[in-house]
Amino acid sequence: MDLQLKNASIDCSWHLKKILHGYRHILKQEIALRNTQDLHIPRPPEYYSCLVRDLETLGWNKVVYVDTGLTTVKLKAEDSCGRQHLIILKLNSKYPTEPPDCLVDFPVQFAVSWMPQNSLIDIYNQFLVALESLKEFWDAMDEIDGKTWVLEPENPTRSATTRRIAIGNNVSVNIEVDPRHPNMLPECYFLGADHAVNPLRIKLNNNMHSWDPEISLLQNLQDLLEIDFPSRAVLEKSDFAKDCGICYAYRLAGAPPDQVCDDPRCGQPFHQACLYEWLQGLPSSRQSFNVIFGECPYCNKPLTLKSSVKKL
């Protein structure tokens, strides 16, 4: 958020992280180069006078941070629902002839309309308009975050369009919401054993026609699936929060187990990465393209694992 990469970490799938492991020195060099770009370009006096004038007109009460070189400005705003938002402006030496780079926590691109006679006030007003255009999306996501147990992401940002919602018995649903049309049916992908997931898929397909864009996203999902999403307090007392059967941890790189043995008598959960490494090491396993065929480490029931890189 402060445009400094010195304390940055790469958040990606386990597969990509494995690929990048041998290239850390190159990544560090790239980070160092990006941190030094544009820092030593001298600014003309008009740059500073124009910037200070714009900030005074905008109001210092909206300014959260200004760096010592007056090249980075962080502004705050509140939407009509009282949610707090930040916009970070990185100004180059040609400001105000050229617009600053704008960093926002949005699920869609924030494109600034700019002319040489514009100022920070114009950007700020465009920021406020963009906030209101995303109100329904954030309302829908806030309701999901507040009334269900969201497994992933653990700490969702305002730009996050996916939620993995716990249903129970090691079953969850991953939804991808369109930020421009948040009240429409989202993409749904169920995670869990087939015997538990298949009835949910059938209900979703059979009831899809009854989706009502006039009611909330969460209520629609519950109506279609004919369930009430349980709260975190209820599920944490159940077997849902069982650790991975291979690494014996609940979270791996921030993610809970997402693979489950199909045998109802077993139902042991695993992280995809753990199960993939386990099956690769077994001489009895076989692989066809990105699919591995093997056995459950606990009950020896045949299982199939499709290795795929998750969307970031």
Protein backbone atom coordinates (compact mmCIF):
# COMPACT_ATOMS: atom_id res chain seq x y z
CA MET A 1 0.00 0.00 0.00
CA ASP A 2 2.92 2.42 0.59
CA LEU A 3 4.49 1.58 -2.81
CA GLN A 4 7.56 0.16 -1.05
CA LEU A 5 8.46 -3.42 -1.97
CA LYS A 6 11.29 -3.94 0.51
CA ASN A 7 9.06 -5.93 2.90
CA ALA A 8 6.98 -7.56 0.19
CA SER A 9 6.21 -11.25 -0.11
CA ILE A 10 4.84 -13.16 -3.08
CA ASP A 11 1.37 -14.59 -2.53
CA CYS A 12 0.74 -17.27 -5.13
CA SER A 13 -0.17 -20.90 -5.58
CA TRP A 14 2.14 -23.56 -4.21
CA HIS A 15 2.94 -24.69 -7.76
CA LEU A 16 4.11 -21.23 -8.87
CA LYS A 17 6.02 -20.74 -5.63
CA LYS A 18 7.90 -23.97 -6.32
CA ILE A 19 8.83 -22.74 -9.80
CA LEU A 20 10.06 -19.36 -8.52
CA HIS A 21 12.09 -20.88 -5.68
CA GLY A 22 15.38 -20.86 -7.58
CA TYR A 23 15.02 -17.29 -8.83
CA ARG A 24 14.84 -15.31 -5.60
CA HIS A 25 17.96 -13.29 -6.42
CA ILE A 26 16.40 -12.10 -9.69
CA LEU A 27 13.19 -11.12 -7.92
CA LYS A 28 15.15 -9.14 -5.33
CA GLN A 29 17.03 -7.29 -8.09
CA GLU A 30 13.74 -6.42 -9.80
CA ILE A 31 12.28 -5.14 -6.53
CA ALA A 32 15.36 -2.99 -5.90
CA LEU A 33 15.14 -1.49 -9.41
CA ARG A 34 11.47 -0.68 -9.03
CA ASN A 35 12.09 0.98 -5.67
CA THR A 36 14.72 3.33 -7.09
CA GLN A 37 12.88 4.33 -10.26
CA ASP A 38 11.75 7.96 -10.43
CA LEU A 39 13.18 8.80 -6.99
CA HIS A 40 16.04 11.00 -8.15
CA ILE A 41 14.35 12.92 -10.95
CA PRO A 42 14.40 16.62 -9.95
CA ARG A 43 11.05 18.39 -9.79
CA PRO A 44 10.62 21.99 -10.99
CA PRO A 45 9.38 24.59 -8.44
CA GLU A 46 6.01 24.71 -10.22
CA TYR A 47 5.50 21.06 -9.37
CA TYR A 48 5.62 21.70 -5.62
CA SER A 49 3.55 24.89 -5.67
CA CYS A 50 0.88 23.20 -7.78
CA LEU A 51 0.76 20.10 -5.56
CA VAL A 52 0.51 22.07 -2.31
CA ARG A 53 -2.22 24.27 -3.79
CA ASP A 54 -4.20 21.20 -4.87
CA LEU A 55 -3.91 19.61 -1.42
CA GLU A 56 -5.03 22.81 0.29
CA THR A 57 -8.04 23.07 -2.02
CA LEU A 58 -8.91 19.42 -1.49
CA GLY A 59 -8.58 19.73 2.28
CA TRP A 60 -5.84 18.44 4.55
CA ASN A 61 -8.44 16.43 6.48
CA LYS A 62 -8.57 14.05 3.49
CA VAL A 63 -4.78 13.55 3.42
CA VAL A 64 -3.51 10.46 5.24
CA TYR A 65 0.11 10.53 4.16
CA VAL A 66 2.60 12.53 2.11
CA ASP A 67 6.16 11.30 1.69
CA THR A 68 9.15 13.58 2.33
CA GLY A 69 9.85 13.99 -1.39
CA LEU A 70 6.24 15.02 -2.13
CA THR A 71 5.97 12.29 -4.76
CA THR A 72 3.48 9.99 -3.04
CA VAL A 73 0.16 11.09 -1.55
CA LYS A 74 -2.38 8.91 0.23
CA LEU A 75 -5.97 10.18 0.49
CA LYS A 76 -8.95 8.75 2.38
CA ALA A 77 -12.66 8.72 1.54
CA GLU A 78 -15.85 7.30 3.00
CA ASP A 79 -18.60 5.78 0.88
CA SER A 80 -22.33 6.20 1.54
CA CYS A 81 -22.32 3.10 3.78
CA GLY A 82 -19.53 4.41 6.00
CA ARG A 83 -16.80 2.14 4.62
CA GLN A 84 -13.34 3.69 4.64
CA HIS A 85 -11.24 3.63 1.46
CA LEU A 86 -7.78 4.79 0.42
CA ILE A 87 -6.36 6.02 -2.85
CA ILE A 88 -2.59 6.30 -3.33
CA LEU A 89 -1.28 8.79 -5.85
CA LYS A 90 2.26 8.51 -7.19
CA LEU A 91 3.16 11.70 -9.03
CA ASN A 92 5.83 11.96 -11.67
CA SER A 93 7.91 15.05 -12.40
CA LYS A 94 5.54 16.20 -15.18
CA TYR A 95 2.54 16.67 -12.90
CA PRO A 96 0.05 18.29 -13.55
CA THR A 97 0.64 17.91 -17.29
CA GLU A 98 0.51 14.14 -16.78
CA PRO A 99 -1.79 12.41 -14.27
CA PRO A 100 -0.41 10.54 -11.27
CA ASP A 101 -0.52 6.75 -11.04
CA CYS A 102 -3.52 5.77 -8.93
CA LEU A 103 -3.56 2.70 -6.67
CA VAL A 104 -6.93 1.64 -5.28
CA ASP A 105 -8.30 -1.52 -3.68
CA PHE A 106 -10.97 -2.08 -6.33
CA PRO A 107 -12.20 -5.30 -7.99
CA VAL A 108 -12.25 -3.45 -11.32
CA GLN A 109 -9.85 -1.12 -13.08
CA PHE A 110 -9.92 2.49 -11.94
CA ALA A 111 -9.37 4.54 -15.11
CA VAL A 112 -8.80 8.25 -14.54
CA SER A 113 -10.02 10.83 -17.01
CA TRP A 114 -7.35 13.56 -17.09
CA MET A 115 -6.53 16.79 -18.90
CA PRO A 116 -3.56 19.12 -18.19
CA GLN A 117 -5.83 21.66 -16.46
CA ASN A 118 -7.17 19.00 -14.04
CA SER A 119 -6.10 18.67 -10.41
CA LEU A 120 -6.17 16.21 -7.53
CA ILE A 121 -9.71 17.34 -6.80
CA ASP A 122 -10.83 15.89 -10.14
CA ILE A 123 -9.21 12.56 -9.36
CA TYR A 124 -10.73 12.54 -5.88
CA ASN A 125 -14.22 13.21 -7.26
CA GLN A 126 -13.80 10.40 -9.79
CA PHE A 127 -12.72 8.18 -6.90
CA LEU A 128 -15.94 9.01 -5.00
CA VAL A 129 -18.07 8.20 -8.04
CA ALA A 130 -16.26 4.87 -8.47
CA LEU A 131 -16.88 4.03 -4.80
CA GLU A 132 -20.63 4.45 -5.21
CA SER A 133 -20.65 2.35 -8.38
CA LEU A 134 -19.26 -0.57 -6.34
CA LYS A 135 -21.62 -0.14 -3.37
CA GLU A 136 -23.88 -3.10 -4.22
CA PHE A 137 -20.87 -5.38 -4.73
CA TRP A 138 -19.36 -4.50 -1.34
CA ASP A 139 -22.78 -4.78 0.33
CA ALA A 140 -23.10 -8.33 -0.98
CA MET A 141 -19.58 -9.34 0.05
CA ASP A 142 -19.91 -7.75 3.50
CA GLU A 143 -23.10 -9.73 4.13
CA ILE A 144 -21.32 -12.96 3.20
CA ASP A 145 -18.32 -12.09 5.39
CA GLY A 146 -20.56 -11.22 8.33
CA LYS A 147 -23.04 -14.10 8.22
CA THR A 148 -21.01 -17.11 7.02
CA TRP A 149 -17.66 -18.73 7.68
CA VAL A 150 -15.41 -17.61 4.84
CA LEU A 151 -12.50 -20.03 4.53
CA GLU A 152 -10.67 -18.16 1.78
CA PRO A 153 -9.46 -15.51 1.58
CA GLU A 154 -8.75 -15.38 5.31
CA ASN A 155 -8.59 -11.58 5.32
CA PRO A 156 -10.41 -10.48 2.15
CA THR A 157 -9.51 -7.15 0.59
CA ARG A 158 -12.01 -4.86 -1.10
CA SER A 159 -10.72 -6.05 -4.48
CA ALA A 160 -11.36 -9.75 -3.75
CA THR A 161 -14.20 -11.15 -5.88
CA THR A 162 -14.07 -14.75 -4.61
CA ARG A 163 -15.21 -16.35 -1.37
CA ARG A 164 -14.90 -19.94 -0.28
CA ILE A 165 -17.84 -20.47 2.09
CA ALA A 166 -18.04 -23.37 4.52
CA ILE A 167 -21.18 -25.51 4.31
CA GLY A 168 -20.30 -28.36 6.69
CA ASN A 169 -18.96 -31.92 6.78
CA ASN A 170 -15.82 -30.85 4.91
CA VAL A 171 -17.95 -29.34 2.13
CA SER A 172 -17.59 -25.77 0.90
CA VAL A 173 -18.51 -23.68 -2.12
CA ASN A 174 -16.23 -21.27 -3.93
CA ILE A 175 -18.08 -18.38 -5.55
CA GLU A 176 -16.79 -15.75 -7.99
CA VAL A 177 -18.92 -12.60 -7.96
CA ASP A 178 -19.10 -10.18 -10.88
CA PRO A 179 -18.45 -6.75 -9.30
CA ARG A 180 -20.43 -5.01 -12.05
CA HIS A 181 -23.45 -7.32 -11.56
CA PRO A 182 -23.22 -8.53 -7.95
CA ASN A 183 -26.88 -9.60 -7.72
CA MET A 184 -26.58 -12.04 -10.60
CA LEU A 185 -25.85 -15.74 -10.16
CA PRO A 186 -22.09 -16.10 -9.45
CA GLU A 187 -19.81 -18.84 -10.68
CA CYS A 188 -20.00 -21.67 -8.14
CA TYR A 189 -17.52 -24.48 -7.59
CA PHE A 190 -18.13 -27.05 -4.87
CA LEU A 191 -15.31 -28.61 -2.85
CA GLY A 192 -15.68 -31.84 -0.94
CA ALA A 193 -16.39 -35.53 -1.32
CA ASP A 194 -18.59 -36.46 -4.30
CA HIS A 195 -21.31 -38.05 -2.17
CA ALA A 196 -21.75 -34.77 -0.28
CA VAL A 197 -21.20 -32.35 -3.16
CA ASN A 198 -23.34 -33.97 -5.88
CA PRO A 199 -26.71 -33.28 -4.16
CA LEU A 200 -25.74 -29.59 -3.91
CA ARG A 201 -24.84 -29.46 -7.60
CA ILE A 202 -28.21 -30.99 -8.49
CA LYS A 203 -30.10 -28.48 -6.35
CA LEU A 204 -28.18 -25.59 -7.89
CA ASN A 205 -28.97 -26.75 -11.43
CA ASN A 206 -32.62 -27.49 -10.69
CA ASN A 207 -33.28 -24.21 -8.89
CA MET A 208 -31.19 -21.89 -11.04
CA HIS A 209 -34.30 -20.52 -12.77
CA SER A 210 -35.62 -19.12 -9.47
CA TRP A 211 -32.66 -16.75 -8.92
CA ASP A 212 -34.12 -13.37 -7.94
CA PRO A 213 -31.88 -10.32 -8.55
CA GLU A 214 -34.14 -8.28 -6.25
CA ILE A 215 -32.96 -10.10 -3.13
CA SER A 216 -29.44 -10.42 -1.73
CA LEU A 217 -26.76 -12.67 -3.16
CA LEU A 218 -26.47 -14.65 0.09
CA GLN A 219 -30.22 -15.25 0.39
CA ASN A 220 -30.38 -16.36 -3.25
CA LEU A 221 -27.60 -18.90 -2.70
CA GLN A 222 -29.32 -20.29 0.37
CA ASP A 223 -32.65 -20.55 -1.46
CA LEU A 224 -31.12 -22.30 -4.48
CA LEU A 225 -29.10 -24.77 -2.39
CA GLU A 226 -31.97 -25.18 0.11
CA ILE A 227 -29.62 -24.66 3.04
CA ASP A 228 -28.69 -22.10 5.67
CA PHE A 229 -24.98 -21.39 5.67
CA PRO A 230 -23.81 -22.16 9.22
CA SER A 231 -21.83 -19.61 11.19
CA ARG A 232 -18.18 -20.02 12.06
CA ALA A 233 -19.03 -20.57 15.73
CA VAL A 234 -21.16 -23.60 14.84
CA LEU A 235 -18.74 -25.16 12.35
CA GLU A 236 -15.60 -24.73 14.44
CA LYS A 237 -17.13 -27.13 16.97
CA SER A 238 -17.67 -29.77 14.28
CA ASP A 239 -15.28 -31.90 12.27
CA PHE A 240 -15.13 -29.27 9.53
CA ALA A 241 -11.95 -27.74 10.93
CA LYS A 242 -10.02 -31.02 10.74
CA ASP A 243 -6.34 -30.71 9.92
CA CYS A 244 -4.77 -32.03 6.73
CA GLY A 245 -4.13 -35.76 7.01
CA ILE A 246 -0.60 -35.39 5.63
CA CYS A 247 0.97 -32.23 7.08
CA TYR A 248 -1.26 -32.25 10.22
CA ALA A 249 -1.88 -28.50 9.91
CA TYR A 250 -5.13 -26.73 9.15
CA ARG A 251 -3.75 -23.93 6.98
CA LEU A 252 -1.02 -24.24 4.37
CA ALA A 253 0.08 -20.92 2.87
CA GLY A 254 -3.07 -19.46 4.39
CA ALA A 255 -5.44 -22.00 2.79
CA PRO A 256 -7.39 -24.76 4.57
CA PRO A 257 -7.66 -28.32 3.16
CA ASP A 258 -9.49 -28.40 -0.18
CA GLN A 259 -9.40 -32.12 -1.07
CA VAL A 260 -11.47 -34.80 0.69
CA CYS A 261 -11.52 -38.59 0.41
CA ASP A 262 -14.76 -39.65 -1.33
CA ASP A 263 -15.37 -42.59 0.99
CA PRO A 264 -18.06 -41.51 3.52
CA ARG A 265 -16.48 -43.76 6.14
CA CYS A 266 -13.16 -41.90 5.75
CA GLY A 267 -13.74 -38.32 4.62
CA GLN A 268 -10.19 -37.29 5.53
CA PRO A 269 -9.32 -33.80 4.23
CA PHE A 270 -6.00 -32.86 2.60
CA HIS A 271 -4.32 -29.83 1.13
CA GLN A 272 -4.01 -30.19 -2.63
CA ALA A 273 -0.25 -29.56 -2.47
CA CYS A 274 0.26 -32.16 0.26
CA LEU A 275 -1.79 -34.80 -1.52
CA TYR A 276 -0.07 -34.07 -4.84
CA GLU A 277 3.41 -34.55 -3.33
CA TRP A 278 2.26 -37.69 -1.50
CA LEU A 279 0.82 -39.32 -4.61
CA GLN A 280 3.83 -38.38 -6.73
CA GLY A 281 6.06 -40.25 -4.31
CA LEU A 282 4.09 -43.49 -4.46
CA PRO A 283 5.26 -46.08 -7.04
CA SER A 284 1.67 -47.32 -7.39
CA SER A 285 0.38 -43.92 -8.53
CA ARG A 286 0.12 -43.06 -12.20
CA GLN A 287 -0.26 -39.72 -13.93
CA SER A 288 -1.99 -38.70 -17.14
CA PHE A 289 -1.29 -35.09 -18.10
CA ASN A 290 -2.26 -33.06 -15.00
CA VAL A 291 -4.34 -35.82 -13.36
CA ILE A 292 -2.84 -38.24 -10.81
CA PHE A 293 -4.52 -41.55 -9.96
CA GLY A 294 -3.67 -43.09 -6.60
CA GLU A 295 -5.01 -44.17 -3.23
CA CYS A 296 -6.14 -42.34 -0.11
CA PRO A 297 -3.28 -42.34 2.45
CA TYR A 298 -5.79 -43.33 5.15
CA CYS A 299 -8.29 -45.84 3.72
CA ASN A 300 -6.60 -46.85 0.43
CA LYS A 301 -9.72 -46.00 -1.55
CA PRO A 302 -8.84 -45.02 -5.15
CA LEU A 303 -8.81 -41.30 -5.64
CA THR A 304 -8.13 -38.86 -8.48
CA LEU A 305 -6.37 -35.54 -8.08
CA LYS A 306 -6.35 -32.88 -10.74
CA SER A 307 -3.32 -30.65 -10.33
CA SER A 308 -4.15 -27.07 -11.24
CA VAL A 309 -2.75 -23.63 -10.46
CA LYS A 310 -5.33 -21.59 -8.58
CA LYS A 311 -6.43 -18.17 -9.80
CA LEU A 312 -4.76 -15.43 -7.79
